[in-house]
Amino acid sequence: MQKHERYGRVGFDLLSRQKISVTKAILGGEVEIQTLEGPRTIILKPGAGHDQQHALKGYGFKKRDKEERGDMFVTFEITIPTVLTSEQKKAIESFAQLETSTASPKKDRM
């Protein structure tokens, strides 16, 4: 069997990689994924990390001669834009300043 760029298989489980934007990873929201039965929308929680996995029970491959199915595991890949508009760049710079000013340095406890 030929290796697929987006899908893989381990036993009866289906493995999938789904690209998401930085803003989707930070804010969360709806993500449409392709299952063996067609598209399905899942809700991504805010603060998703790169390579975070989401399990969909019973969305894998059908087990031989049974109604039972494997699971589908979706791994999220955060895509970083390589080109920004000036407005986007200003927004990111503003966010970076807020992030720096609200970060509390850890105190030395020695």
Foldseek 3Di string as FASTA:
>chain_A
DDDDPAWDDDPQEIEGEDEDEPCCQACWAWDWDQFPVGIDIDTGHHNHDQQDKDKAAQRTHDDPPDNGGHIYIYTYHYDDDPDDDPVRVVVVVVVVVVVVVPDDDDDDPD
